[in-house]
């Protein structure tokens, strides 16, 4: 089965990100289905069913405190001059997010999954398939006011192992494991 590990986004933030998607609704760009917008911690890809339970047991070992995350700004991978992905970023809470991602990355190594290079906490809003240089410039210009846009705060209390089933209408995601972050004294 096709798997990834992610943090779900609060619905009010997802609604604000959907407004950005309206700007991107044009030929050659595929917005992510609103209900599917999430923050990926690690993409695992195709995983043999027999490995799912050991992966879940390993993910249970991750211990960290719940934290607040500020979703702010949009960006482009790999760059504004060669857009393949439009994403929303994390401002406050980024260090905690990256710490979880690195812990997951380290622990998944024993299952043969490669290490992430240059990890950036982000939620993909749209994928750019094929657009002209002129359209690319228009998109960058139209999204200029969103580069520092405040999409809101959310409390991160868990992360999830998700199954992705590819369909002609787009992927369908379902949780196959939810891993609560440990509650510790917070001041």
Protein backbone atom coordinates (compact mmCIF):
# COMPACT_ATOMS: atom_id res chain seq x y z
CA UNK A 1 0.00 0.00 0.00
CA UNK A 2 1.08 3.60 -0.61
CA UNK A 3 1.86 5.37 2.67
CA UNK A 4 3.01 8.68 4.09
CA UNK A 5 3.27 10.29 7.53
CA UNK A 6 1.64 13.68 8.04
CA UNK A 7 0.12 16.31 10.27
CA UNK A 8 -3.45 17.24 9.37
CA UNK A 9 -4.30 20.92 8.98
CA UNK A 10 -7.02 22.64 10.98
CA UNK A 11 -10.12 23.19 8.82
CA UNK A 12 -10.11 26.99 9.24
CA UNK A 13 -6.54 27.13 7.88
CA UNK A 14 -7.43 24.76 5.06
CA UNK A 15 -10.32 27.09 4.12
CA UNK A 16 -7.88 30.02 3.85
CA UNK A 17 -5.49 27.97 1.71
CA UNK A 18 -8.41 27.13 -0.59
CA UNK A 19 -8.63 30.87 -1.36
CA UNK A 20 -5.06 30.72 -2.71
CA UNK A 21 -6.05 27.75 -4.82
CA UNK A 22 -8.68 29.85 -6.60
CA UNK A 23 -5.86 32.01 -8.00
CA UNK A 24 -4.13 28.85 -9.21
CA UNK A 25 -7.20 27.39 -10.90
CA UNK A 26 -5.97 27.37 -14.50
CA UNK A 27 -4.77 25.02 -17.21
CA UNK A 28 -1.55 23.23 -16.36
CA UNK A 29 -1.99 23.52 -12.58
CA UNK A 30 -3.54 20.84 -10.36
CA UNK A 31 -4.70 22.17 -6.97
CA UNK A 32 -4.62 19.62 -4.15
CA UNK A 33 -8.13 18.63 -3.13
CA UNK A 34 -8.98 20.86 -0.16
CA UNK A 35 -9.67 17.92 2.16
CA UNK A 36 -6.25 16.45 1.25
CA UNK A 37 -4.09 19.44 2.17
CA UNK A 38 -1.68 18.35 4.92
CA UNK A 39 1.88 18.76 6.17
CA UNK A 40 3.97 15.78 5.10
CA UNK A 41 6.52 14.56 7.61
CA UNK A 42 7.74 11.69 5.41
CA UNK A 43 6.59 10.01 2.21
CA UNK A 44 7.12 6.25 2.37
CA UNK A 45 5.66 5.21 -0.99
CA UNK A 46 4.69 1.60 -1.67
CA UNK A 47 5.01 -0.49 1.49
CA UNK A 48 4.43 -4.23 1.81
CA UNK A 49 1.41 -4.92 4.06
CA UNK A 50 3.59 -7.03 6.40
CA UNK A 51 5.72 -3.97 7.23
CA UNK A 52 2.81 -1.73 8.30
CA UNK A 53 2.49 -3.00 11.90
CA UNK A 54 6.25 -2.76 12.61
CA UNK A 55 6.23 0.78 11.18
CA UNK A 56 3.28 1.69 13.42
CA UNK A 57 5.06 0.25 16.48
CA UNK A 58 8.15 2.31 15.66
CA UNK A 59 6.10 5.49 15.23
CA UNK A 60 4.59 4.93 18.70
CA UNK A 61 8.11 5.37 20.13
CA UNK A 62 8.28 9.01 19.07
CA UNK A 63 7.87 11.24 22.10
CA UNK A 64 7.44 14.98 21.87
CA UNK A 65 5.22 17.64 23.38
CA UNK A 66 2.19 19.10 21.57
CA UNK A 67 2.98 22.50 20.10
CA UNK A 68 1.45 25.51 18.37
CA UNK A 69 2.19 26.02 14.70
CA UNK A 70 1.79 29.24 12.74
CA UNK A 71 0.98 28.63 9.07
CA UNK A 72 2.28 31.60 7.16
CA UNK A 73 3.27 32.50 3.62
CA UNK A 74 3.43 30.70 0.30
CA UNK A 75 6.47 29.53 -1.58
CA UNK A 76 7.53 27.63 -4.67
CA UNK A 77 9.55 24.45 -5.26
CA UNK A 78 12.12 24.37 -6.67
CA UNK A 79 12.02 28.15 -7.30
CA UNK A 80 9.76 30.96 -8.60
CA UNK A 81 11.52 30.67 -11.97
CA UNK A 82 10.75 26.97 -12.27
CA UNK A 83 7.56 26.30 -10.31
CA UNK A 84 6.59 22.65 -9.81
CA UNK A 85 4.86 23.03 -6.42
CA UNK A 86 3.09 25.91 -4.68
CA UNK A 87 3.11 25.48 -0.91
CA UNK A 88 2.21 27.10 2.41
CA UNK A 89 4.90 27.29 5.07
CA UNK A 90 5.38 27.17 8.80
CA UNK A 91 6.73 30.09 10.78
CA UNK A 92 6.49 29.58 14.55
CA UNK A 93 6.53 25.89 15.42
CA UNK A 94 8.91 25.10 12.57
CA UNK A 95 11.66 23.84 14.92
CA UNK A 96 9.28 21.41 16.62
CA UNK A 97 7.91 20.28 13.26
CA UNK A 98 11.40 19.63 11.87
CA UNK A 99 12.37 17.77 15.07
CA UNK A 100 9.48 15.32 14.60
CA UNK A 101 10.30 14.92 10.90
CA UNK A 102 13.96 14.21 11.66
CA UNK A 103 13.02 11.68 14.36
CA UNK A 104 10.67 9.91 11.93
CA UNK A 105 13.29 10.04 9.19
CA UNK A 106 15.91 8.51 11.49
CA UNK A 107 13.58 5.73 12.69
CA UNK A 108 12.35 4.85 9.19
CA UNK A 109 15.94 4.26 8.06
CA UNK A 110 15.83 0.77 9.64
CA UNK A 111 13.00 -0.11 7.21
CA UNK A 112 15.16 0.91 4.26
CA UNK A 113 13.62 4.32 3.60
CA UNK A 114 16.10 6.95 2.40
CA UNK A 115 16.93 10.01 4.47
CA UNK A 116 15.37 13.36 3.57
CA UNK A 117 17.67 16.06 2.27
CA UNK A 118 16.95 19.75 2.86
CA UNK A 119 13.61 19.12 4.58
CA UNK A 120 11.24 22.12 4.52
CA UNK A 121 8.02 22.08 6.56
CA UNK A 122 5.27 22.80 4.03
CA UNK A 123 1.79 21.93 2.84
CA UNK A 124 1.43 21.48 -0.90
CA UNK A 125 -1.39 23.66 -2.25
CA UNK A 126 -0.97 22.88 -5.95
CA UNK A 127 1.24 21.02 -8.40
CA UNK A 128 2.29 22.72 -11.60
CA UNK A 129 2.23 20.35 -14.55
CA UNK A 130 3.00 22.47 -17.57
CA UNK A 131 2.65 26.22 -17.94
CA UNK A 132 4.22 28.88 -20.10
CA UNK A 133 6.90 31.26 -18.85
CA UNK A 134 4.31 34.05 -19.13
CA UNK A 135 1.81 32.15 -16.95
CA UNK A 136 4.56 31.42 -14.42
CA UNK A 137 5.32 35.14 -14.14
CA UNK A 138 1.60 35.89 -13.71
CA UNK A 139 1.28 33.32 -10.92
CA UNK A 140 4.29 34.67 -9.05
CA UNK A 141 2.90 38.20 -9.42
CA UNK A 142 -0.65 37.20 -8.38
CA UNK A 143 0.67 35.36 -5.31
CA UNK A 144 2.98 38.19 -4.24
CA UNK A 145 0.53 39.39 -1.59
CA UNK A 146 0.44 35.83 -0.15
CA UNK A 147 4.21 35.45 0.33
CA UNK A 148 3.85 36.60 3.97
CA UNK A 149 0.11 35.90 4.39
CA UNK A 150 -0.98 34.79 7.85
CA UNK A 151 -3.13 31.67 7.44
CA UNK A 152 -3.50 31.14 11.19
CA UNK A 153 -2.39 29.14 14.20
CA UNK A 154 -3.13 25.56 15.04
CA UNK A 155 -2.26 23.23 17.87
CA UNK A 156 -0.45 20.06 16.81
CA UNK A 157 -1.44 17.19 19.09
CA UNK A 158 -0.78 14.18 16.84
CA UNK A 159 0.65 12.93 13.58
CA UNK A 160 -0.78 10.24 11.33
CA UNK A 161 0.24 7.33 9.17
CA UNK A 162 -1.89 7.68 6.06
CA UNK A 163 -2.79 5.38 3.24
CA UNK A 164 -3.09 6.93 -0.21
CA UNK A 165 -5.21 5.26 -2.87
CA UNK A 166 -4.78 6.79 -6.32
CA UNK A 167 -8.01 7.15 -8.29
CA UNK A 168 -8.83 8.89 -11.59
CA UNK A 169 -10.45 11.71 -9.56
CA UNK A 170 -7.38 12.15 -7.35
CA UNK A 171 -5.92 10.44 -4.30
CA UNK A 172 -8.08 9.29 -1.41
CA UNK A 173 -6.36 9.42 1.98
CA UNK A 174 -7.28 7.46 5.09
CA UNK A 175 -5.65 7.25 8.52
CA UNK A 176 -4.26 3.84 9.42
CA UNK A 177 -2.52 5.07 12.56
CA UNK A 178 -2.86 8.15 14.79
CA UNK A 179 0.03 8.93 17.14
CA UNK A 180 -0.74 11.32 19.98
CA UNK A 181 1.98 13.71 21.08
CA UNK A 182 2.82 13.31 24.74
CA UNK A 183 1.28 15.87 27.10
CA UNK A 184 3.88 17.36 29.36
CA UNK A 185 3.72 20.41 31.61
CA UNK A 186 3.56 23.50 29.38
CA UNK A 187 4.02 27.03 30.66
